[in-house]
Amino acid sequence: MAAGLPSDEPRVCKPGFHGRVAAAVRLVPPGRVTTYGDVAGVLGSPRVARQVGWALAALPAGSDVPWHRVINAQGRISHRGELVRASEQRRLLEAEGVLFSDSGRLDLASLRWDWPELP
């Protein structure tokens, strides 16, 4: 238990969280995107967008999870200093037909995946 948290405080990122993130992201179809916050929200924990990013960053090389379809709420790729990964993400999205503006933003309003009800 983390220091300072009462013992009855529910854990937001319970065991299996990474697997739940991967399963949710696999639902996003080619040519569509979602945000870290959207994934967190659909998993029932809307305040853990950062943890969604960590879960995706922890995917093993060669994973079949389409991590590249998850972007930030401003419609941009969050590179956090990982420029090679950001370039790969953009290349993968463009290969699916996603267009970026000159400023590196995509049209989130038209490309955002409308999540179905999850079981």
C-alpha atoms as a PDB file:
ATOM      1  CA  MET A   1       0.000   0.000   0.000  1.00  0.00           C
ATOM      2  CA  ALA A   2       1.312   3.482  -0.864  1.00  0.00           C
ATOM      3  CA  ALA A   3       2.275   5.674   2.055  1.00  0.00           C
ATOM      4  CA  GLY A   4      -0.494   8.032   3.094  1.00  0.00           C
ATOM      5  CA  LEU A   5      -3.368   6.092   1.546  1.00  0.00           C
ATOM      6  CA  PRO A   6      -5.997   4.722   3.893  1.00  0.00           C
ATOM      7  CA  SER A   7      -6.360   0.957   3.736  1.00  0.00           C
ATOM      8  CA  ASP A   8      -9.958   1.212   2.477  1.00  0.00           C
ATOM      9  CA  GLU A   9      -8.970   3.472  -0.452  1.00  0.00           C
ATOM     10  CA  PRO A  10      -9.707   1.609  -3.709  1.00  0.00           C
ATOM     11  CA  ARG A  11      -6.757   1.108  -6.020  1.00  0.00           C
ATOM     12  CA  VAL A  12      -7.279   2.770  -9.364  1.00  0.00           C
ATOM     13  CA  CYS A  13      -4.778   0.668 -11.300  1.00  0.00           C
ATOM     14  CA  LYS A  14      -5.451  -2.803 -10.027  1.00  0.00           C
ATOM     15  CA  PRO A  15      -3.523  -5.910 -11.045  1.00  0.00           C
ATOM     16  CA  GLY A  16      -4.300  -6.656 -14.666  1.00  0.00           C
ATOM     17  CA  PHE A  17      -4.555  -2.984 -15.623  1.00  0.00           C
ATOM     18  CA  HIS A  18      -1.959  -3.281 -18.405  1.00  0.00           C
ATOM     19  CA  GLY A  19      -3.850  -6.198 -19.917  1.00  0.00           C
ATOM     20  CA  ARG A  20      -7.121  -4.253 -19.775  1.00  0.00           C
ATOM     21  CA  VAL A  21      -5.453  -1.297 -21.502  1.00  0.00           C
ATOM     22  CA  ALA A  22      -4.131  -3.591 -24.242  1.00  0.00           C
ATOM     23  CA  ALA A  23      -7.540  -5.238 -24.732  1.00  0.00           C
ATOM     24  CA  ALA A  24      -9.272  -1.864 -25.011  1.00  0.00           C
ATOM     25  CA  VAL A  25      -6.734  -0.409 -27.450  1.00  0.00           C
ATOM     26  CA  ARG A  26      -7.075  -3.482 -29.675  1.00  0.00           C
ATOM     27  CA  LEU A  27     -10.691  -2.374 -30.304  1.00  0.00           C
ATOM     28  CA  VAL A  28      -9.649   0.895 -31.994  1.00  0.00           C
ATOM     29  CA  PRO A  29      -9.911   0.287 -35.744  1.00  0.00           C
ATOM     30  CA  PRO A  30      -7.328   1.313 -38.336  1.00  0.00           C
ATOM     31  CA  GLY A  31      -7.587   4.947 -39.373  1.00  0.00           C
ATOM     32  CA  ARG A  32      -9.183   5.978 -36.073  1.00  0.00           C
ATOM     33  CA  VAL A  33      -7.621   7.288 -32.869  1.00  0.00           C
ATOM     34  CA  THR A  34      -8.429   7.604 -29.213  1.00  0.00           C
ATOM     35  CA  THR A  35      -6.852   9.491 -26.338  1.00  0.00           C
ATOM     36  CA  TYR A  36      -5.115   8.290 -23.210  1.00  0.00           C
ATOM     37  CA  GLY A  37      -7.978   9.801 -21.225  1.00  0.00           C
ATOM     38  CA  ASP A  38     -10.589   8.056 -23.375  1.00  0.00           C
ATOM     39  CA  VAL A  39      -8.976   4.683 -22.686  1.00  0.00           C
ATOM     40  CA  ALA A  40      -8.774   5.452 -18.968  1.00  0.00           C
ATOM     41  CA  GLY A  41     -12.429   6.495 -18.954  1.00  0.00           C
ATOM     42  CA  VAL A  42     -13.677   3.442 -20.806  1.00  0.00           C
ATOM     43  CA  LEU A  43     -11.833   1.307 -18.251  1.00  0.00           C
ATOM     44  CA  GLY A  44     -13.677   3.096 -15.464  1.00  0.00           C
ATOM     45  CA  SER A  45     -10.779   5.192 -14.166  1.00  0.00           C
ATOM     46  CA  PRO A  46     -10.904   8.536 -16.012  1.00  0.00           C
ATOM     47  CA  ARG A  47      -8.101  10.050 -13.916  1.00  0.00           C
ATOM     48  CA  VAL A  48      -5.381   7.579 -14.931  1.00  0.00           C
ATOM     49  CA  ALA A  49      -4.547   8.733 -18.458  1.00  0.00           C
ATOM     50  CA  ARG A  50      -0.850   8.856 -17.573  1.00  0.00           C
ATOM     51  CA  GLN A  51      -0.946   5.237 -16.417  1.00  0.00           C
ATOM     52  CA  VAL A  52      -2.512   4.272 -19.750  1.00  0.00           C
ATOM     53  CA  GLY A  53       0.537   5.811 -21.417  1.00  0.00           C
ATOM     54  CA  TRP A  54       2.852   3.861 -19.129  1.00  0.00           C
ATOM     55  CA  ALA A  55       1.013   0.633 -19.911  1.00  0.00           C
ATOM     56  CA  LEU A  56       1.420   1.232 -23.634  1.00  0.00           C
ATOM     57  CA  ALA A  57       5.078   2.193 -23.249  1.00  0.00           C
ATOM     58  CA  ALA A  58       5.655  -1.106 -21.415  1.00  0.00           C
ATOM     59  CA  LEU A  59       4.388  -3.231 -24.316  1.00  0.00           C
ATOM     60  CA  PRO A  60       6.986  -5.725 -25.514  1.00  0.00           C
ATOM     61  CA  ALA A  61       8.602  -5.240 -28.918  1.00  0.00           C
ATOM     62  CA  GLY A  62       6.485  -6.793 -31.634  1.00  0.00           C
ATOM     63  CA  SER A  63       3.248  -6.530 -29.654  1.00  0.00           C
ATOM     64  CA  ASP A  64       0.043  -6.703 -31.698  1.00  0.00           C
ATOM     65  CA  VAL A  65      -1.518  -3.864 -29.668  1.00  0.00           C
ATOM     66  CA  PRO A  66      -2.050  -0.833 -31.965  1.00  0.00           C
ATOM     67  CA  TRP A  67      -0.495   1.592 -29.452  1.00  0.00           C
ATOM     68  CA  HIS A  68       0.031   4.141 -32.223  1.00  0.00           C
ATOM     69  CA  ARG A  69      -3.717   4.857 -32.301  1.00  0.00           C
ATOM     70  CA  VAL A  70      -3.597   6.490 -28.855  1.00  0.00           C
ATOM     71  CA  ILE A  71      -2.767  10.199 -28.823  1.00  0.00           C
ATOM     72  CA  ASN A  72      -3.155  13.117 -26.453  1.00  0.00           C
ATOM     73  CA  ALA A  73      -6.311  15.175 -25.956  1.00  0.00           C
ATOM     74  CA  GLN A  74      -4.943  17.993 -28.143  1.00  0.00           C
ATOM     75  CA  GLY A  75      -4.871  15.706 -31.175  1.00  0.00           C
ATOM     76  CA  ARG A  76      -1.098  15.370 -31.110  1.00  0.00           C
ATOM     77  CA  ILE A  77       1.427  12.635 -30.602  1.00  0.00           C
ATOM     78  CA  SER A  78       2.940  12.778 -27.121  1.00  0.00           C
ATOM     79  CA  HIS A  79       6.613  12.090 -27.615  1.00  0.00           C
ATOM     80  CA  ARG A  80       7.915  12.824 -24.096  1.00  0.00           C
ATOM     81  CA  GLY A  81      11.432  13.009 -25.532  1.00  0.00           C
ATOM     82  CA  GLU A  82      11.128   9.739 -27.463  1.00  0.00           C
ATOM     83  CA  LEU A  83      11.389  11.231 -30.936  1.00  0.00           C
ATOM     84  CA  VAL A  84      12.068   7.916 -32.680  1.00  0.00           C
ATOM     85  CA  ARG A  85       8.897   6.378 -31.218  1.00  0.00           C
ATOM     86  CA  ALA A  86       6.926   9.532 -32.098  1.00  0.00           C
ATOM     87  CA  SER A  87       8.144   9.336 -35.700  1.00  0.00           C
ATOM     88  CA  GLU A  88       7.158   5.673 -35.830  1.00  0.00           C
ATOM     89  CA  GLN A  89       3.722   6.504 -34.413  1.00  0.00           C
ATOM     90  CA  ARG A  90       3.154   9.176 -37.038  1.00  0.00           C
ATOM     91  CA  ARG A  91       4.363   6.864 -39.822  1.00  0.00           C
ATOM     92  CA  LEU A  92       1.991   4.099 -38.671  1.00  0.00           C
ATOM     93  CA  LEU A  93      -0.966   6.482 -38.464  1.00  0.00           C
ATOM     94  CA  GLU A  94      -0.243   7.983 -41.874  1.00  0.00           C
ATOM     95  CA  ALA A  95      -0.055   4.447 -43.321  1.00  0.00           C
ATOM     96  CA  GLU A  96      -3.650   4.035 -42.091  1.00  0.00           C
ATOM     97  CA  GLY A  97      -4.715   7.226 -43.868  1.00  0.00           C
ATOM     98  CA  VAL A  98      -4.528   9.629 -40.914  1.00  0.00           C
ATOM     99  CA  LEU A  99      -3.530  13.132 -42.008  1.00  0.00           C
ATOM    100  CA  PHE A 100      -1.639  15.642 -39.874  1.00  0.00           C
ATOM    101  CA  SER A 101      -1.649  19.423 -40.144  1.00  0.00           C
ATOM    102  CA  ASP A 102       1.571  21.348 -40.646  1.00  0.00           C
ATOM    103  CA  SER A 103       1.627  21.886 -36.883  1.00  0.00           C
ATOM    104  CA  GLY A 104       1.506  18.123 -36.221  1.00  0.00           C
ATOM    105  CA  ARG A 105      -2.111  17.944 -35.150  1.00  0.00           C
ATOM    106  CA  LEU A 106      -4.756  15.588 -36.492  1.00  0.00           C
ATOM    107  CA  ASP A 107      -8.491  16.167 -36.732  1.00  0.00           C
ATOM    108  CA  LEU A 108      -9.504  14.578 -33.463  1.00  0.00           C
ATOM    109  CA  ALA A 109     -13.169  15.497 -33.941  1.00  0.00           C
ATOM    110  CA  SER A 110     -13.487  13.351 -37.055  1.00  0.00           C
ATOM    111  CA  LEU A 111     -10.972  10.600 -36.257  1.00  0.00           C
ATOM    112  CA  ARG A 112     -11.818   9.919 -32.614  1.00  0.00           C
ATOM    113  CA  TRP A 113     -13.121   6.405 -32.024  1.00  0.00           C
ATOM    114  CA  ASP A 114     -16.618   6.282 -30.572  1.00  0.00           C
ATOM    115  CA  TRP A 115     -16.247   3.563 -27.950  1.00  0.00           C
ATOM    116  CA  PRO A 116     -18.815   0.762 -27.791  1.00  0.00           C
ATOM    117  CA  GLU A 117     -20.019  -0.516 -24.438  1.00  0.00           C
ATOM    118  CA  LEU A 118     -17.350  -2.773 -22.980  1.00  0.00           C
ATOM    119  CA  PRO A 119     -18.351  -5.965 -21.154  1.00  0.00           C
END
